[in-house]
Amino acid sequence: MSRAKNSVVHNQEQSQARVSPRLLPPVPALISRSPEDAIAEKQRREQKDALVRGVTSIQEVREAIRRVGRNIPAISAVPRISMLDAATFRTRAVEGLPFVITGLVSRWPLSALTPQMLHDRYGDLRVRARVGDYVNKAFAPDRAMQDMSMIEYLDLVSTGTQDLPPYIGNLELRELNRMCYWPAYFGKMGPPRFWLGPSGTVTPLHCDYDDNIFAQIWGTKRIFLSPPHHDEFLYTSEANAVLFGSPVNPEAPDFEKFPLARQASMIECIVNPGELLYLPAGWYHHVRSLTFSLSANRWARALPLALNGDPSLQRMRLSD
């Protein structure tokens, strides 16, 4: 093949590798509601959350997770195990404890994508970054977000001029998900969410009342974990029915301001490239990137596995 023809083929491949920009959904507007309307809207959302998960009510699930949490054994470290099939995974997950699965994510094509390839091939992707003080305002409705292209984001963080690096978090990126092979551990899962940012990006302490599988594509993260029933020591507040936040910082706890936090168990877990963390519903977690990092996760949309299929919490299915 001639040099000229090689050049044409190369340019065509580059053109095909670049993706067309896809607009992000608009940021939800802050709407002023009366107290009555706010309560009604909260009830509608909780009913929808329960329906999606096939459970009687989110509140009942939260209470059940806390009860079950009191009976799980205390752990000082998160165990690492080799790859599991779906049946073995579920058998272990019923115990209600987190664990790391090795050797799975490293097989995904996405693991071979370098930051430079992300810049070159996916630079036109539209992304939404958390900016400003997104740690102290993590669960506030007016947390600052900024839309930009992937190239603009990568260029922004490369300057390193921000006290808290901007963070792409909890964002759907279907173009990247094509290179992921998610295991069928849950019968029903929400869409994959991606997390991208340099060393120093932080997601503060919180819990989700859904089972979670968290894939570390590249880079390293440090995660502090606390069991569900220790929420009584963490000064928690509700962001929504399935998300509760805590002002306690496990990396530098202020025991003068939050004295009960001394009683909360905190387990440190380092998640390395190619590893998958199973995080049971209700476990509090605080996440920090130790290096430039790309992660992805999926939440289950079903009764948490630690509740072992409790029929009293499952919504009755209508017969056809």
C-alpha atoms as a PDB file:
ATOM      1  CA  MET A   1       0.000   0.000   0.000  1.00  0.00           C
ATOM      2  CA  SER A   2       1.391   3.417  -0.953  1.00  0.00           C
ATOM      3  CA  ARG A   3       2.318   6.042   1.626  1.00  0.00           C
ATOM      4  CA  ALA A   4      -0.448   8.323   0.329  1.00  0.00           C
ATOM      5  CA  LYS A   5      -3.057   5.590   0.672  1.00  0.00           C
ATOM      6  CA  ASN A   6      -1.766   4.765   4.174  1.00  0.00           C
ATOM      7  CA  SER A   7      -2.235   8.405   5.090  1.00  0.00           C
ATOM      8  CA  VAL A   8      -5.825   8.408   3.828  1.00  0.00           C
ATOM      9  CA  VAL A   9      -6.659   5.225   5.763  1.00  0.00           C
ATOM     10  CA  HIS A  10      -5.046   6.631   8.909  1.00  0.00           C
ATOM     11  CA  ASN A  11      -7.042   9.855   8.647  1.00  0.00           C
ATOM     12  CA  GLN A  12     -10.266   7.886   8.129  1.00  0.00           C
ATOM     13  CA  GLU A  13      -9.548   5.777  11.212  1.00  0.00           C
ATOM     14  CA  GLN A  14      -8.872   8.902  13.253  1.00  0.00           C
ATOM     15  CA  SER A  15     -12.106  10.447  12.010  1.00  0.00           C
ATOM     16  CA  GLN A  16     -14.051   7.322  12.915  1.00  0.00           C
ATOM     17  CA  ALA A  17     -12.384   7.139  16.334  1.00  0.00           C
ATOM     18  CA  ARG A  18     -13.482  10.675  17.207  1.00  0.00           C
ATOM     19  CA  VAL A  19     -16.977  10.763  18.586  1.00  0.00           C
ATOM     20  CA  SER A  20     -19.634  13.323  17.854  1.00  0.00           C
ATOM     21  CA  PRO A  21     -20.481  15.546  20.826  1.00  0.00           C
ATOM     22  CA  ARG A  22     -23.692  14.597  22.603  1.00  0.00           C
ATOM     23  CA  LEU A  23     -25.516  17.218  24.621  1.00  0.00           C
ATOM     24  CA  LEU A  24     -25.989  16.602  28.324  1.00  0.00           C
ATOM     25  CA  PRO A  25     -29.411  16.831  29.911  1.00  0.00           C
ATOM     26  CA  PRO A  26     -30.049  20.251  31.452  1.00  0.00           C
ATOM     27  CA  VAL A  27     -29.091  20.816  35.076  1.00  0.00           C
ATOM     28  CA  PRO A  28     -32.272  20.599  37.157  1.00  0.00           C
ATOM     29  CA  ALA A  29     -33.487  24.078  37.988  1.00  0.00           C
ATOM     30  CA  LEU A  30     -34.016  25.134  41.592  1.00  0.00           C
ATOM     31  CA  ILE A  31     -37.746  25.606  41.963  1.00  0.00           C
ATOM     32  CA  SER A  32     -39.276  27.385  44.920  1.00  0.00           C
ATOM     33  CA  ARG A  33     -42.106  25.249  46.337  1.00  0.00           C
ATOM     34  CA  SER A  34     -44.445  25.621  49.251  1.00  0.00           C
ATOM     35  CA  PRO A  35     -43.798  23.224  52.161  1.00  0.00           C
ATOM     36  CA  GLU A  36     -46.879  21.237  51.156  1.00  0.00           C
ATOM     37  CA  ASP A  37     -45.734  20.934  47.547  1.00  0.00           C
ATOM     38  CA  ALA A  38     -42.230  19.926  48.651  1.00  0.00           C
ATOM     39  CA  ILE A  39     -43.650  17.153  50.839  1.00  0.00           C
ATOM     40  CA  ALA A  40     -45.884  15.928  48.029  1.00  0.00           C
ATOM     41  CA  GLU A  41     -42.971  15.920  45.574  1.00  0.00           C
ATOM     42  CA  LYS A  42     -40.804  13.978  48.049  1.00  0.00           C
ATOM     43  CA  GLN A  43     -43.560  11.390  48.470  1.00  0.00           C
ATOM     44  CA  ARG A  44     -43.934  11.020  44.699  1.00  0.00           C
ATOM     45  CA  ARG A  45     -40.222  10.496  44.277  1.00  0.00           C
ATOM     46  CA  GLU A  46     -40.070   7.896  47.052  1.00  0.00           C
ATOM     47  CA  GLN A  47     -43.002   6.035  45.531  1.00  0.00           C
ATOM     48  CA  LYS A  48     -41.240   6.023  42.173  1.00  0.00           C
ATOM     49  CA  ASP A  49     -37.972   4.828  43.774  1.00  0.00           C
ATOM     50  CA  ALA A  50     -39.833   1.995  45.488  1.00  0.00           C
ATOM     51  CA  LEU A  51     -41.611   0.997  42.289  1.00  0.00           C
ATOM     52  CA  VAL A  52     -38.362   0.883  40.288  1.00  0.00           C
ATOM     53  CA  ARG A  53     -36.782  -1.378  42.903  1.00  0.00           C
ATOM     54  CA  GLY A  54     -39.836  -3.577  43.406  1.00  0.00           C
ATOM     55  CA  VAL A  55     -39.995  -2.889  47.158  1.00  0.00           C
ATOM     56  CA  THR A  56     -42.825  -1.890  49.469  1.00  0.00           C
ATOM     57  CA  SER A  57     -41.178   1.369  50.573  1.00  0.00           C
ATOM     58  CA  ILE A  58     -37.703   2.869  50.653  1.00  0.00           C
ATOM     59  CA  GLN A  59     -38.063   3.766  54.340  1.00  0.00           C
ATOM     60  CA  GLU A  60     -38.809   0.152  55.261  1.00  0.00           C
ATOM     61  CA  VAL A  61     -35.771  -0.992  53.272  1.00  0.00           C
ATOM     62  CA  ARG A  62     -33.547   1.553  55.058  1.00  0.00           C
ATOM     63  CA  GLU A  63     -34.752   0.384  58.460  1.00  0.00           C
ATOM     64  CA  ALA A  64     -34.242  -3.268  57.514  1.00  0.00           C
ATOM     65  CA  ILE A  65     -30.679  -2.592  56.355  1.00  0.00           C
ATOM     66  CA  ARG A  66     -29.858  -0.954  59.682  1.00  0.00           C
ATOM     67  CA  ARG A  67     -31.327  -3.917  61.596  1.00  0.00           C
ATOM     68  CA  VAL A  68     -29.385  -6.432  59.532  1.00  0.00           C
ATOM     69  CA  GLY A  69     -26.243  -4.326  59.916  1.00  0.00           C
ATOM     70  CA  ARG A  70     -26.245  -4.859  63.679  1.00  0.00           C
ATOM     71  CA  ASN A  71     -25.807  -8.594  63.122  1.00  0.00           C
ATOM     72  CA  ILE A  72     -22.988  -8.573  60.591  1.00  0.00           C
ATOM     73  CA  PRO A  73     -19.518  -9.389  61.939  1.00  0.00           C
ATOM     74  CA  ALA A  74     -17.061  -6.565  62.509  1.00  0.00           C
ATOM     75  CA  ILE A  75     -14.207  -6.424  60.014  1.00  0.00           C
ATOM     76  CA  SER A  76     -10.921  -4.508  60.083  1.00  0.00           C
ATOM     77  CA  ALA A  77     -10.064  -4.942  56.404  1.00  0.00           C
ATOM     78  CA  VAL A  78     -11.904  -5.513  53.132  1.00  0.00           C
ATOM     79  CA  PRO A  79     -11.036  -8.967  51.725  1.00  0.00           C
ATOM     80  CA  ARG A  80      -9.797  -9.512  48.179  1.00  0.00           C
ATOM     81  CA  ILE A  81     -11.009 -12.513  46.219  1.00  0.00           C
ATOM     82  CA  SER A  82     -10.676 -13.772  42.680  1.00  0.00           C
ATOM     83  CA  MET A  83     -13.405 -13.612  40.062  1.00  0.00           C
ATOM     84  CA  LEU A  84     -16.822 -15.000  40.997  1.00  0.00           C
ATOM     85  CA  ASP A  85     -19.724 -16.239  38.948  1.00  0.00           C
ATOM     86  CA  ALA A  86     -23.094 -14.605  39.612  1.00  0.00           C
ATOM     87  CA  ALA A  87     -24.423 -17.353  41.905  1.00  0.00           C
ATOM     88  CA  THR A  88     -21.295 -17.376  44.085  1.00  0.00           C
ATOM     89  CA  PHE A  89     -21.281 -13.592  44.200  1.00  0.00           C
ATOM     90  CA  ARG A  90     -24.862 -13.470  45.483  1.00  0.00           C
ATOM     91  CA  THR A  91     -24.192 -16.143  48.083  1.00  0.00           C
ATOM     92  CA  ARG A  92     -21.329 -14.085  49.468  1.00  0.00           C
ATOM     93  CA  ALA A  93     -23.147 -10.749  49.160  1.00  0.00           C
ATOM     94  CA  VAL A  94     -25.968 -11.997  51.417  1.00  0.00           C
ATOM     95  CA  GLU A  95     -23.475 -11.651  54.295  1.00  0.00           C
ATOM     96  CA  GLY A  96     -23.800  -7.871  53.978  1.00  0.00           C
ATOM     97  CA  LEU A  97     -20.043  -7.182  53.908  1.00  0.00           C
ATOM     98  CA  PRO A  98     -17.955  -5.395  51.262  1.00  0.00           C
ATOM     99  CA  PHE A  99     -15.284  -7.226  49.281  1.00  0.00           C
ATOM    100  CA  VAL A 100     -12.956  -6.565  46.353  1.00  0.00           C
ATOM    101  CA  ILE A 101     -12.902  -8.785  43.269  1.00  0.00           C
ATOM    102  CA  THR A 102      -9.577  -8.942  41.443  1.00  0.00           C
ATOM    103  CA  GLY A 103      -8.794  -9.887  37.848  1.00  0.00           C
ATOM    104  CA  LEU A 104     -12.130  -8.823  36.356  1.00  0.00           C
ATOM    105  CA  VAL A 105     -11.987  -5.146  35.379  1.00  0.00           C
ATOM    106  CA  SER A 106      -8.455  -5.484  34.011  1.00  0.00           C
ATOM    107  CA  ARG A 107      -9.943  -7.589  31.191  1.00  0.00           C
ATOM    108  CA  TRP A 108     -12.192  -4.789  29.981  1.00  0.00           C
ATOM    109  CA  PRO A 109     -11.124  -2.961  26.801  1.00  0.00           C
ATOM    110  CA  LEU A 110     -11.600   0.294  28.695  1.00  0.00           C
ATOM    111  CA  SER A 111      -8.665  -0.617  30.951  1.00  0.00           C
ATOM    112  CA  ALA A 112      -6.376  -0.216  27.945  1.00  0.00           C
ATOM    113  CA  LEU A 113      -7.594   3.347  27.324  1.00  0.00           C
ATOM    114  CA  THR A 114      -4.887   5.774  28.468  1.00  0.00           C
ATOM    115  CA  PRO A 115      -5.507   9.402  29.484  1.00  0.00           C
ATOM    116  CA  GLN A 116      -3.867  10.492  26.224  1.00  0.00           C
ATOM    117  CA  MET A 117      -6.221   8.251  24.240  1.00  0.00           C
ATOM    118  CA  LEU A 118      -9.121   9.713  26.186  1.00  0.00           C
ATOM    119  CA  HIS A 119      -7.933  13.159  25.123  1.00  0.00           C
ATOM    120  CA  ASP A 120      -7.360  12.231  21.472  1.00  0.00           C
ATOM    121  CA  ARG A 121     -10.375  10.015  20.779  1.00  0.00           C
ATOM    122  CA  TYR A 122     -13.029  11.384  23.109  1.00  0.00           C
ATOM    123  CA  GLY A 123     -12.030  15.011  23.432  1.00  0.00           C
ATOM    124  CA  ASP A 124     -15.325  16.237  21.956  1.00  0.00           C
ATOM    125  CA  LEU A 125     -17.474  14.446  24.523  1.00  0.00           C
ATOM    126  CA  ARG A 126     -19.591  16.808  26.592  1.00  0.00           C
ATOM    127  CA  VAL A 127     -18.982  16.347  30.308  1.00  0.00           C
ATOM    128  CA  ARG A 128     -20.214  17.972  33.499  1.00  0.00           C
ATOM    129  CA  ALA A 129     -17.662  18.749  36.197  1.00  0.00           C
ATOM    130  CA  ARG A 130     -18.133  19.492  39.867  1.00  0.00           C
ATOM    131  CA  VAL A 131     -16.338  22.764  40.569  1.00  0.00           C
ATOM    132  CA  GLY A 132     -15.748  25.042  43.534  1.00  0.00           C
ATOM    133  CA  ASP A 133     -16.236  23.658  47.029  1.00  0.00           C
ATOM    134  CA  TYR A 134     -18.139  20.539  45.992  1.00  0.00           C
ATOM    135  CA  VAL A 135     -17.143  18.690  49.183  1.00  0.00           C
ATOM    136  CA  ASN A 136     -18.899  20.918  51.702  1.00  0.00           C
ATOM    137  CA  LYS A 137     -21.797  21.376  49.279  1.00  0.00           C
ATOM    138  CA  ALA A 138     -21.865  17.758  48.116  1.00  0.00           C
ATOM    139  CA  PHE A 139     -25.517  17.184  48.937  1.00  0.00           C
ATOM    140  CA  ALA A 140     -26.802  20.722  48.428  1.00  0.00           C
ATOM    141  CA  PRO A 141     -29.165  21.417  45.528  1.00  0.00           C
ATOM    142  CA  ASP A 142     -27.085  24.437  44.476  1.00  0.00           C
ATOM    143  CA  ARG A 143     -23.751  22.605  44.152  1.00  0.00           C
ATOM    144  CA  ALA A 144     -21.792  24.271  41.342  1.00  0.00           C
ATOM    145  CA  MET A 145     -21.468  22.329  38.074  1.00  0.00           C
ATOM    146  CA  GLN A 146     -19.832  23.348  34.815  1.00  0.00           C
ATOM    147  CA  ASP A 147     -20.415  21.848  31.356  1.00  0.00           C
ATOM    148  CA  MET A 148     -17.457  21.571  28.973  1.00  0.00           C
ATOM    149  CA  SER A 149     -15.796  19.225  26.509  1.00  0.00           C
ATOM    150  CA  MET A 150     -13.519  16.406  27.640  1.00  0.00           C
ATOM    151  CA  ILE A 151     -10.523  18.261  26.198  1.00  0.00           C
ATOM    152  CA  GLU A 152     -11.475  21.419  28.091  1.00  0.00           C
ATOM    153  CA  TYR A 153     -11.790  19.410  31.300  1.00  0.00           C
ATOM    154  CA  LEU A 154      -8.436  17.658  30.861  1.00  0.00           C
ATOM    155  CA  ASP A 155      -6.758  20.973  30.048  1.00  0.00           C
ATOM    156  CA  LEU A 156      -8.376  22.590  33.090  1.00  0.00           C
ATOM    157  CA  VAL A 157      -7.164  19.990  35.577  1.00  0.00           C
ATOM    158  CA  SER A 158      -3.699  19.916  33.995  1.00  0.00           C
ATOM    159  CA  THR A 159      -3.149  23.483  35.209  1.00  0.00           C
ATOM    160  CA  GLY A 160      -3.417  22.320  38.821  1.00  0.00           C
ATOM    161  CA  THR A 161      -4.394  25.789  39.984  1.00  0.00           C
ATOM    162  CA  GLN A 162      -7.516  24.838  41.948  1.00  0.00           C
ATOM    163  CA  ASP A 163      -7.502  24.117  45.680  1.00  0.00           C
ATOM    164  CA  LEU A 164      -9.988  21.328  45.014  1.00  0.00           C
ATOM    165  CA  PRO A 165      -9.576  19.792  41.533  1.00  0.00           C
ATOM    166  CA  PRO A 166     -12.701  19.788  39.349  1.00  0.00           C
ATOM    167  CA  TYR A 167     -14.270  16.353  39.263  1.00  0.00           C
ATOM    168  CA  ILE A 168     -16.373  14.554  36.679  1.00  0.00           C
ATOM    169  CA  GLY A 169     -18.638  12.413  38.834  1.00  0.00           C
ATOM    170  CA  ASN A 170     -21.765  10.277  38.524  1.00  0.00           C
ATOM    171  CA  LEU A 171     -21.976  10.925  34.775  1.00  0.00           C
ATOM    172  CA  GLU A 172     -23.324   8.640  32.062  1.00  0.00           C
ATOM    173  CA  LEU A 173     -20.833   8.245  29.202  1.00  0.00           C
ATOM    174  CA  ARG A 174     -22.272   5.661  26.848  1.00  0.00           C
ATOM    175  CA  GLU A 175     -19.283   5.982  24.526  1.00  0.00           C
ATOM    176  CA  LEU A 176     -17.030   4.591  27.262  1.00  0.00           C
ATOM    177  CA  ASN A 177     -19.460   1.995  28.506  1.00  0.00           C
ATOM    178  CA  ARG A 178     -19.185   0.155  25.177  1.00  0.00           C
ATOM    179  CA  MET A 179     -15.743  -0.926  26.396  1.00  0.00           C
ATOM    180  CA  CYS A 180     -16.985  -2.353  29.714  1.00  0.00           C
ATOM    181  CA  TYR A 181     -18.129  -5.921  30.353  1.00  0.00           C
ATOM    182  CA  TRP A 182     -20.290  -5.609  33.453  1.00  0.00           C
ATOM    183  CA  PRO A 183     -20.925  -8.887  35.312  1.00  0.00           C
ATOM    184  CA  ALA A 184     -24.562  -9.952  35.748  1.00  0.00           C
ATOM    185  CA  TYR A 185     -24.406  -9.884  39.529  1.00  0.00           C
ATOM    186  CA  PHE A 186     -27.745  -8.103  39.936  1.00  0.00           C
ATOM    187  CA  GLY A 187     -31.001  -8.939  38.212  1.00  0.00           C
ATOM    188  CA  LYS A 188     -31.618  -5.268  37.521  1.00  0.00           C
ATOM    189  CA  MET A 189     -29.077  -2.452  37.406  1.00  0.00           C
ATOM    190  CA  GLY A 190     -29.113   1.252  36.768  1.00  0.00           C
ATOM    191  CA  PRO A 191     -27.003   2.750  33.961  1.00  0.00           C
ATOM    192  CA  PRO A 192     -23.215   2.885  34.388  1.00  0.00           C
ATOM    193  CA  ARG A 193     -21.851   6.079  35.897  1.00  0.00           C
ATOM    194  CA  PHE A 194     -18.316   7.356  35.356  1.00  0.00           C
ATOM    195  CA  TRP A 195     -15.931   9.217  37.655  1.00  0.00           C
ATOM    196  CA  LEU A 196     -12.834  10.985  36.322  1.00  0.00           C
ATOM    197  CA  GLY A 197     -10.379  13.266  38.019  1.00  0.00           C
ATOM    198  CA  PRO A 198      -6.829  13.864  39.220  1.00  0.00           C
ATOM    199  CA  SER A 199      -5.305  13.171  42.600  1.00  0.00           C
ATOM    200  CA  GLY A 200      -7.170  15.065  45.314  1.00  0.00           C
ATOM    201  CA  THR A 201     -10.724  14.720  44.036  1.00  0.00           C
ATOM    202  CA  VAL A 202     -13.061  13.707  46.861  1.00  0.00           C
ATOM    203  CA  THR A 203     -16.549  12.332  47.349  1.00  0.00           C
ATOM    204  CA  PRO A 204     -17.397  12.978  51.021  1.00  0.00           C
ATOM    205  CA  LEU A 205     -18.880  10.457  53.431  1.00  0.00           C
ATOM    206  CA  HIS A 206     -22.334   9.233  52.422  1.00  0.00           C
ATOM    207  CA  CYS A 207     -24.351   6.097  51.850  1.00  0.00           C
ATOM    208  CA  ASP A 208     -26.601   4.862  49.066  1.00  0.00           C
ATOM    209  CA  TYR A 209     -29.444   2.486  49.897  1.00  0.00           C
ATOM    210  CA  ASP A 210     -28.733   0.393  46.808  1.00  0.00           C
ATOM    211  CA  ASP A 211     -26.156  -2.346  46.313  1.00  0.00           C
ATOM    212  CA  ASN A 212     -23.214  -1.030  44.323  1.00  0.00           C
ATOM    213  CA  ILE A 213     -20.410  -2.465  42.179  1.00  0.00           C
ATOM    214  CA  PHE A 214     -17.549  -0.011  41.733  1.00  0.00           C
ATOM    215  CA  ALA A 215     -14.927  -0.630  39.029  1.00  0.00           C
ATOM    216  CA  GLN A 216     -11.513   1.019  39.218  1.00  0.00           C
ATOM    217  CA  ILE A 217     -10.428   1.312  35.576  1.00  0.00           C
ATOM    218  CA  TRP A 218      -7.100   3.050  36.108  1.00  0.00           C
ATOM    219  CA  GLY A 219      -5.579   5.009  38.950  1.00  0.00           C
ATOM    220  CA  THR A 220      -5.916   4.323  42.666  1.00  0.00           C
ATOM    221  CA  LYS A 221      -8.529   5.395  45.199  1.00  0.00           C
ATOM    222  CA  ARG A 222      -8.676   5.293  48.986  1.00  0.00           C
ATOM    223  CA  ILE A 223     -12.099   4.549  50.417  1.00  0.00           C
ATOM    224  CA  PHE A 224     -13.132   4.721  54.075  1.00  0.00           C
ATOM    225  CA  LEU A 225     -16.097   2.486  54.916  1.00  0.00           C
ATOM    226  CA  SER A 226     -18.479   2.437  57.874  1.00  0.00           C
ATOM    227  CA  PRO A 227     -21.312  -0.091  58.401  1.00  0.00           C
ATOM    228  CA  PRO A 228     -24.976   0.919  58.040  1.00  0.00           C
ATOM    229  CA  HIS A 229     -25.933   0.847  61.715  1.00  0.00           C
ATOM    230  CA  HIS A 230     -23.121   3.265  62.612  1.00  0.00           C
ATOM    231  CA  ASP A 231     -25.121   6.073  61.057  1.00  0.00           C
ATOM    232  CA  GLU A 232     -26.164   6.942  64.615  1.00  0.00           C
ATOM    233  CA  PHE A 233     -22.581   8.193  65.159  1.00  0.00           C
ATOM    234  CA  LEU A 234     -22.229  10.068  61.877  1.00  0.00           C
ATOM    235  CA  TYR A 235     -24.657  13.009  62.186  1.00  0.00           C
ATOM    236  CA  THR A 236     -26.352  12.046  58.945  1.00  0.00           C
ATOM    237  CA  SER A 237     -28.884  13.993  56.932  1.00  0.00           C
ATOM    238  CA  GLU A 238     -31.126  12.972  54.054  1.00  0.00           C
ATOM    239  CA  ALA A 239     -30.297  14.187  50.555  1.00  0.00           C
ATOM    240  CA  ASN A 240     -33.024  11.979  49.127  1.00  0.00           C
ATOM    241  CA  ALA A 241     -34.684   8.705  50.054  1.00  0.00           C
ATOM    242  CA  VAL A 242     -31.768   6.555  48.850  1.00  0.00           C
ATOM    243  CA  LEU A 243     -28.885   8.938  49.653  1.00  0.00           C
ATOM    244  CA  PHE A 244     -27.762  10.134  53.094  1.00  0.00           C
ATOM    245  CA  GLY A 245     -24.721  12.309  53.742  1.00  0.00           C
ATOM    246  CA  SER A 246     -22.474  12.879  56.738  1.00  0.00           C
ATOM    247  CA  PRO A 247     -20.351  15.931  57.668  1.00  0.00           C
ATOM    248  CA  VAL A 248     -17.748  13.701  59.345  1.00  0.00           C
ATOM    249  CA  ASN A 249     -14.407  13.606  57.511  1.00  0.00           C
ATOM    250  CA  PRO A 250     -12.726  10.211  58.148  1.00  0.00           C
ATOM    251  CA  GLU A 251      -9.383  11.600  56.962  1.00  0.00           C
ATOM    252  CA  ALA A 252      -9.371  14.365  59.598  1.00  0.00           C
ATOM    253  CA  PRO A 253     -12.268  13.813  62.032  1.00  0.00           C
ATOM    254  CA  ASP A 254     -13.269  16.753  64.202  1.00  0.00           C
ATOM    255  CA  PHE A 255     -14.193  14.975  67.420  1.00  0.00           C
ATOM    256  CA  GLU A 256     -14.811  18.259  69.208  1.00  0.00           C
ATOM    257  CA  LYS A 257     -17.598  19.083  66.759  1.00  0.00           C
ATOM    258  CA  PHE A 258     -18.748  15.481  66.207  1.00  0.00           C
ATOM    259  CA  PRO A 259     -17.907  13.562  69.415  1.00  0.00           C
ATOM    260  CA  LEU A 260     -20.077  10.543  68.586  1.00  0.00           C
ATOM    261  CA  ALA A 261     -17.893   9.903  65.536  1.00  0.00           C
ATOM    262  CA  ARG A 262     -15.303   8.363  67.879  1.00  0.00           C
ATOM    263  CA  GLN A 263     -17.607   5.332  68.104  1.00  0.00           C
ATOM    264  CA  ALA A 264     -17.963   4.856  64.359  1.00  0.00           C
ATOM    265  CA  SER A 265     -15.957   2.053  62.814  1.00  0.00           C
ATOM    266  CA  MET A 266     -13.877   3.239  59.829  1.00  0.00           C
ATOM    267  CA  ILE A 267     -12.254   0.684  57.533  1.00  0.00           C
ATOM    268  CA  GLU A 268      -9.681   1.883  55.025  1.00  0.00           C
ATOM    269  CA  CYS A 269      -9.643   0.211  51.620  1.00  0.00           C
ATOM    270  CA  ILE A 270      -7.281   0.944  48.726  1.00  0.00           C
ATOM    271  CA  VAL A 271      -8.864   0.093  45.373  1.00  0.00           C
ATOM    272  CA  ASN A 272      -6.264  -0.528  42.692  1.00  0.00           C
ATOM    273  CA  PRO A 273      -6.469  -0.499  38.895  1.00  0.00           C
ATOM    274  CA  GLY A 274      -8.464  -3.436  37.535  1.00  0.00           C
ATOM    275  CA  GLU A 275     -10.329  -4.142  40.780  1.00  0.00           C
ATOM    276  CA  LEU A 276     -14.062  -4.206  41.478  1.00  0.00           C
ATOM    277  CA  LEU A 277     -15.444  -3.244  44.902  1.00  0.00           C
ATOM    278  CA  TYR A 278     -18.795  -4.632  46.021  1.00  0.00           C
ATOM    279  CA  LEU A 279     -20.368  -2.112  48.371  1.00  0.00           C
ATOM    280  CA  PRO A 280     -23.549  -3.346  50.076  1.00  0.00           C
ATOM    281  CA  ALA A 281     -26.482  -0.980  50.415  1.00  0.00           C
ATOM    282  CA  GLY A 282     -26.295   1.297  53.440  1.00  0.00           C
ATOM    283  CA  TRP A 283     -22.513   1.246  53.905  1.00  0.00           C
ATOM    284  CA  TYR A 284     -21.097   4.745  54.339  1.00  0.00           C
ATOM    285  CA  HIS A 285     -18.099   5.556  52.157  1.00  0.00           C
ATOM    286  CA  HIS A 286     -15.684   8.456  51.671  1.00  0.00           C
ATOM    287  CA  VAL A 287     -13.631   8.338  48.449  1.00  0.00           C
ATOM    288  CA  ARG A 288     -10.386  10.102  47.539  1.00  0.00           C
ATOM    289  CA  SER A 289      -8.372   9.765  44.320  1.00  0.00           C
ATOM    290  CA  LEU A 290      -4.711   9.131  45.121  1.00  0.00           C
ATOM    291  CA  THR A 291      -3.695   9.413  41.453  1.00  0.00           C
ATOM    292  CA  PHE A 292      -5.349  10.504  38.217  1.00  0.00           C
ATOM    293  CA  SER A 293      -8.215   8.078  38.122  1.00  0.00           C
ATOM    294  CA  LEU A 294     -11.036   6.695  35.997  1.00  0.00           C
ATOM    295  CA  SER A 295     -13.757   4.698  37.739  1.00  0.00           C
ATOM    296  CA  ALA A 296     -17.241   3.476  36.931  1.00  0.00           C
ATOM    297  CA  ASN A 297     -20.065   2.060  38.994  1.00  0.00           C
ATOM    298  CA  ARG A 298     -23.548   0.623  38.751  1.00  0.00           C
ATOM    299  CA  TRP A 299     -26.247   0.553  41.413  1.00  0.00           C
ATOM    300  CA  ALA A 300     -28.675  -2.328  41.678  1.00  0.00           C
ATOM    301  CA  ARG A 301     -32.363  -1.514  41.300  1.00  0.00           C
ATOM    302  CA  ALA A 302     -33.764  -4.235  43.512  1.00  0.00           C
ATOM    303  CA  LEU A 303     -34.050  -5.387  47.103  1.00  0.00           C
ATOM    304  CA  PRO A 304     -30.518  -5.295  48.602  1.00  0.00           C
ATOM    305  CA  LEU A 305     -28.944  -8.744  48.719  1.00  0.00           C
ATOM    306  CA  ALA A 306     -28.193  -8.536  52.464  1.00  0.00           C
ATOM    307  CA  LEU A 307     -31.967  -8.596  53.074  1.00  0.00           C
ATOM    308  CA  ASN A 308     -32.007 -12.110  51.607  1.00  0.00           C
ATOM    309  CA  GLY A 309     -35.173 -11.753  49.582  1.00  0.00           C
ATOM    310  CA  ASP A 310     -37.340 -10.771  52.570  1.00  0.00           C
ATOM    311  CA  PRO A 311     -40.868 -11.202  51.147  1.00  0.00           C
ATOM    312  CA  SER A 312     -42.326  -8.610  53.530  1.00  0.00           C
ATOM    313  CA  LEU A 313     -40.275  -5.926  51.736  1.00  0.00           C
ATOM    314  CA  GLN A 314     -41.071  -6.971  48.176  1.00  0.00           C
ATOM    315  CA  ARG A 315     -43.822  -5.325  46.217  1.00  0.00           C
ATOM    316  CA  MET A 316     -46.464  -7.779  45.093  1.00  0.00           C
ATOM    317  CA  ARG A 317     -46.493  -8.325  41.332  1.00  0.00           C
ATOM    318  CA  LEU A 318     -49.819  -8.028  39.595  1.00  0.00           C
ATOM    319  CA  SER A 319     -50.727 -11.111  37.575  1.00  0.00           C
ATOM    320  CA  ASP A 320     -51.145 -10.668  33.833  1.00  0.00           C
END
